[in-house]
């Protein structure tokens, strides 16, 4: 694999995504590979963007939110993009914290129900 330019198959393998996912990211204009006939080639810019896209997805950001964030760099530069990133991260951290609290309550409820059911089964029948 070339480090500066990847073909379609190499891009899928490097990022462990399906061809359908890669095509979709192109369709919604997150990625814009060079095209040579039917062949697609991904340079350093597209590789960096894909890294950011997948990291954003891992953190729970939507594709449209990621697309808008990537546009900030194109339109306004690095500093505004980083400022937007801090705002997005703060929002997402709040949401993830809220979800974790909900999960903690759900886990405690499930554990209590499981334990009471186990105790009921262990009790002698009358």
C-alpha atoms as a PDB file:
ATOM      1  CA  UNK A   1       0.000   0.000   0.000  1.00  0.00           C
ATOM      2  CA  UNK A   2       1.223   3.453  -0.867  1.00  0.00           C
ATOM      3  CA  UNK A   3       1.269   5.802   2.147  1.00  0.00           C
ATOM      4  CA  UNK A   4       0.391   8.894   0.132  1.00  0.00           C
ATOM      5  CA  UNK A   5      -2.362   7.503  -2.077  1.00  0.00           C
ATOM      6  CA  UNK A   6      -4.732   4.601  -1.460  1.00  0.00           C
ATOM      7  CA  UNK A   7      -7.074   2.972  -3.915  1.00  0.00           C
ATOM      8  CA  UNK A   8     -10.663   2.136  -2.956  1.00  0.00           C
ATOM      9  CA  UNK A   9      -9.890  -1.371  -1.696  1.00  0.00           C
ATOM     10  CA  UNK A  10      -6.866  -0.187   0.315  1.00  0.00           C
ATOM     11  CA  UNK A  11      -8.922   2.591   1.886  1.00  0.00           C
ATOM     12  CA  UNK A  12     -11.591   0.107   2.994  1.00  0.00           C
ATOM     13  CA  UNK A  13      -8.947  -2.215   4.429  1.00  0.00           C
ATOM     14  CA  UNK A  14      -6.983   0.519   6.203  1.00  0.00           C
ATOM     15  CA  UNK A  15     -10.053   1.859   7.994  1.00  0.00           C
ATOM     16  CA  UNK A  16     -11.933  -1.430   8.283  1.00  0.00           C
ATOM     17  CA  UNK A  17     -15.062  -0.075   6.586  1.00  0.00           C
ATOM     18  CA  UNK A  18     -17.303  -1.646   3.995  1.00  0.00           C
ATOM     19  CA  UNK A  19     -17.308  -0.458   0.381  1.00  0.00           C
ATOM     20  CA  UNK A  20     -20.893   0.679   0.959  1.00  0.00           C
ATOM     21  CA  UNK A  21     -19.792   2.904   3.865  1.00  0.00           C
ATOM     22  CA  UNK A  22     -16.965   4.439   1.869  1.00  0.00           C
ATOM     23  CA  UNK A  23     -19.270   5.121  -1.096  1.00  0.00           C
ATOM     24  CA  UNK A  24     -21.845   6.670   1.252  1.00  0.00           C
ATOM     25  CA  UNK A  25     -19.247   9.004   2.768  1.00  0.00           C
ATOM     26  CA  UNK A  26     -18.424  10.116  -0.759  1.00  0.00           C
ATOM     27  CA  UNK A  27     -22.116  10.516  -1.623  1.00  0.00           C
ATOM     28  CA  UNK A  28     -22.727  12.841   1.345  1.00  0.00           C
ATOM     29  CA  UNK A  29     -19.525  14.699   0.462  1.00  0.00           C
ATOM     30  CA  UNK A  30     -17.477  13.827   3.525  1.00  0.00           C
ATOM     31  CA  UNK A  31     -14.797  12.465   1.189  1.00  0.00           C
ATOM     32  CA  UNK A  32     -13.794  13.593  -2.283  1.00  0.00           C
ATOM     33  CA  UNK A  33     -11.312  11.151  -3.783  1.00  0.00           C
ATOM     34  CA  UNK A  34      -9.442  11.747  -6.999  1.00  0.00           C
ATOM     35  CA  UNK A  35     -11.074   9.836  -9.833  1.00  0.00           C
ATOM     36  CA  UNK A  36      -9.356   8.276 -12.805  1.00  0.00           C
ATOM     37  CA  UNK A  37     -12.093   6.700 -14.874  1.00  0.00           C
ATOM     38  CA  UNK A  38     -13.888   4.378 -12.468  1.00  0.00           C
ATOM     39  CA  UNK A  39     -10.904   4.155 -10.110  1.00  0.00           C
ATOM     40  CA  UNK A  40     -10.825   6.233  -6.942  1.00  0.00           C
ATOM     41  CA  UNK A  41      -7.688   7.350  -5.138  1.00  0.00           C
ATOM     42  CA  UNK A  42      -7.457   8.787  -1.633  1.00  0.00           C
ATOM     43  CA  UNK A  43      -4.621  11.133  -0.800  1.00  0.00           C
ATOM     44  CA  UNK A  44      -3.387  12.433   2.568  1.00  0.00           C
ATOM     45  CA  UNK A  45      -6.314  14.878   2.891  1.00  0.00           C
ATOM     46  CA  UNK A  46      -8.927  12.158   2.475  1.00  0.00           C
ATOM     47  CA  UNK A  47      -7.035   9.789   4.764  1.00  0.00           C
ATOM     48  CA  UNK A  48      -6.927  12.492   7.474  1.00  0.00           C
ATOM     49  CA  UNK A  49     -10.625  13.250   6.970  1.00  0.00           C
ATOM     50  CA  UNK A  50     -11.521   9.564   7.259  1.00  0.00           C
ATOM     51  CA  UNK A  51      -9.574   9.364  10.519  1.00  0.00           C
ATOM     52  CA  UNK A  52     -11.553  12.332  11.864  1.00  0.00           C
ATOM     53  CA  UNK A  53     -14.874  10.936  10.608  1.00  0.00           C
ATOM     54  CA  UNK A  54     -14.373   7.583  12.302  1.00  0.00           C
ATOM     55  CA  UNK A  55     -13.152   9.206  15.514  1.00  0.00           C
ATOM     56  CA  UNK A  56     -16.206  11.470  15.496  1.00  0.00           C
ATOM     57  CA  UNK A  57     -18.515   8.477  14.986  1.00  0.00           C
ATOM     58  CA  UNK A  58     -16.817   6.664  17.866  1.00  0.00           C
ATOM     59  CA  UNK A  59     -17.527   9.660  20.103  1.00  0.00           C
ATOM     60  CA  UNK A  60     -21.184   9.587  19.053  1.00  0.00           C
ATOM     61  CA  UNK A  61     -21.352  12.520  16.648  1.00  0.00           C
ATOM     62  CA  UNK A  62     -23.751  12.359  13.707  1.00  0.00           C
ATOM     63  CA  UNK A  63     -22.467  12.414  10.147  1.00  0.00           C
ATOM     64  CA  UNK A  64     -24.098  15.767   9.409  1.00  0.00           C
ATOM     65  CA  UNK A  65     -22.478  17.287  12.489  1.00  0.00           C
ATOM     66  CA  UNK A  66     -19.109  15.913  11.374  1.00  0.00           C
ATOM     67  CA  UNK A  67     -19.664  17.233   7.843  1.00  0.00           C
ATOM     68  CA  UNK A  68     -20.471  20.723   9.148  1.00  0.00           C
ATOM     69  CA  UNK A  69     -17.406  20.639  11.403  1.00  0.00           C
ATOM     70  CA  UNK A  70     -15.138  19.644   8.513  1.00  0.00           C
ATOM     71  CA  UNK A  71     -16.607  22.488   6.426  1.00  0.00           C
ATOM     72  CA  UNK A  72     -15.539  25.014   9.061  1.00  0.00           C
ATOM     73  CA  UNK A  73     -11.886  24.231   8.319  1.00  0.00           C
ATOM     74  CA  UNK A  74     -12.464  24.658   4.588  1.00  0.00           C
ATOM     75  CA  UNK A  75     -14.326  27.946   4.995  1.00  0.00           C
ATOM     76  CA  UNK A  76     -12.710  29.577   8.029  1.00  0.00           C
ATOM     77  CA  UNK A  77      -9.503  27.745   8.941  1.00  0.00           C
ATOM     78  CA  UNK A  78      -8.038  25.894  11.873  1.00  0.00           C
ATOM     79  CA  UNK A  79      -8.821  28.134  14.862  1.00  0.00           C
ATOM     80  CA  UNK A  80     -12.599  28.398  14.236  1.00  0.00           C
ATOM     81  CA  UNK A  81     -12.676  24.639  13.635  1.00  0.00           C
ATOM     82  CA  UNK A  82     -10.927  23.972  16.948  1.00  0.00           C
ATOM     83  CA  UNK A  83     -13.274  26.367  18.760  1.00  0.00           C
ATOM     84  CA  UNK A  84     -16.254  24.540  17.241  1.00  0.00           C
ATOM     85  CA  UNK A  85     -14.680  21.252  18.296  1.00  0.00           C
ATOM     86  CA  UNK A  86     -14.544  22.364  21.934  1.00  0.00           C
ATOM     87  CA  UNK A  87     -18.242  23.295  21.834  1.00  0.00           C
ATOM     88  CA  UNK A  88     -19.150  19.975  20.193  1.00  0.00           C
ATOM     89  CA  UNK A  89     -17.040  18.016  22.682  1.00  0.00           C
ATOM     90  CA  UNK A  90     -18.597  19.810  25.651  1.00  0.00           C
ATOM     91  CA  UNK A  91     -22.101  19.032  24.355  1.00  0.00           C
ATOM     92  CA  UNK A  92     -21.244  15.395  23.689  1.00  0.00           C
ATOM     93  CA  UNK A  93     -19.543  14.960  27.061  1.00  0.00           C
ATOM     94  CA  UNK A  94     -22.745  16.183  28.716  1.00  0.00           C
ATOM     95  CA  UNK A  95     -24.835  13.760  26.689  1.00  0.00           C
ATOM     96  CA  UNK A  96     -22.518  10.814  27.386  1.00  0.00           C
ATOM     97  CA  UNK A  97     -22.525  11.648  31.106  1.00  0.00           C
ATOM     98  CA  UNK A  98     -26.338  11.691  31.072  1.00  0.00           C
ATOM     99  CA  UNK A  99     -26.425   8.332  29.250  1.00  0.00           C
ATOM    100  CA  UNK A 100     -23.955   6.834  31.723  1.00  0.00           C
ATOM    101  CA  UNK A 101     -26.160   7.926  34.638  1.00  0.00           C
ATOM    102  CA  UNK A 102     -29.170   6.293  32.953  1.00  0.00           C
ATOM    103  CA  UNK A 103     -27.145   3.115  32.416  1.00  0.00           C
ATOM    104  CA  UNK A 104     -26.056   3.078  36.067  1.00  0.00           C
ATOM    105  CA  UNK A 105     -29.724   3.231  37.166  1.00  0.00           C
ATOM    106  CA  UNK A 106     -30.727   0.526  34.665  1.00  0.00           C
ATOM    107  CA  UNK A 107     -27.880  -1.746  35.786  1.00  0.00           C
ATOM    108  CA  UNK A 108     -28.822  -1.273  39.465  1.00  0.00           C
ATOM    109  CA  UNK A 109     -32.506  -2.042  38.696  1.00  0.00           C
ATOM    110  CA  UNK A 110     -31.604  -5.149  36.705  1.00  0.00           C
ATOM    111  CA  UNK A 111     -29.196  -6.345  39.406  1.00  0.00           C
ATOM    112  CA  UNK A 112     -31.853  -5.875  42.114  1.00  0.00           C
ATOM    113  CA  UNK A 113     -34.480  -7.749  40.078  1.00  0.00           C
ATOM    114  CA  UNK A 114     -32.006 -10.524  39.295  1.00  0.00           C
ATOM    115  CA  UNK A 115     -31.026 -10.843  42.961  1.00  0.00           C
ATOM    116  CA  UNK A 116     -34.642 -10.900  44.200  1.00  0.00           C
ATOM    117  CA  UNK A 117     -35.517 -13.541  41.600  1.00  0.00           C
ATOM    118  CA  UNK A 118     -32.523 -15.656  42.632  1.00  0.00           C
ATOM    119  CA  UNK A 119     -33.516 -15.312  46.306  1.00  0.00           C
ATOM    120  CA  UNK A 120     -37.084 -16.346  45.485  1.00  0.00           C
ATOM    121  CA  UNK A 121     -35.804 -19.435  43.667  1.00  0.00           C
ATOM    122  CA  UNK A 122     -33.492 -20.313  46.587  1.00  0.00           C
ATOM    123  CA  UNK A 123     -36.292 -20.036  49.164  1.00  0.00           C
ATOM    124  CA  UNK A 124     -37.926 -23.329  50.177  1.00  0.00           C
ATOM    125  CA  UNK A 125     -41.286 -23.920  48.562  1.00  0.00           C
ATOM    126  CA  UNK A 126     -44.288 -23.866  50.868  1.00  0.00           C
END
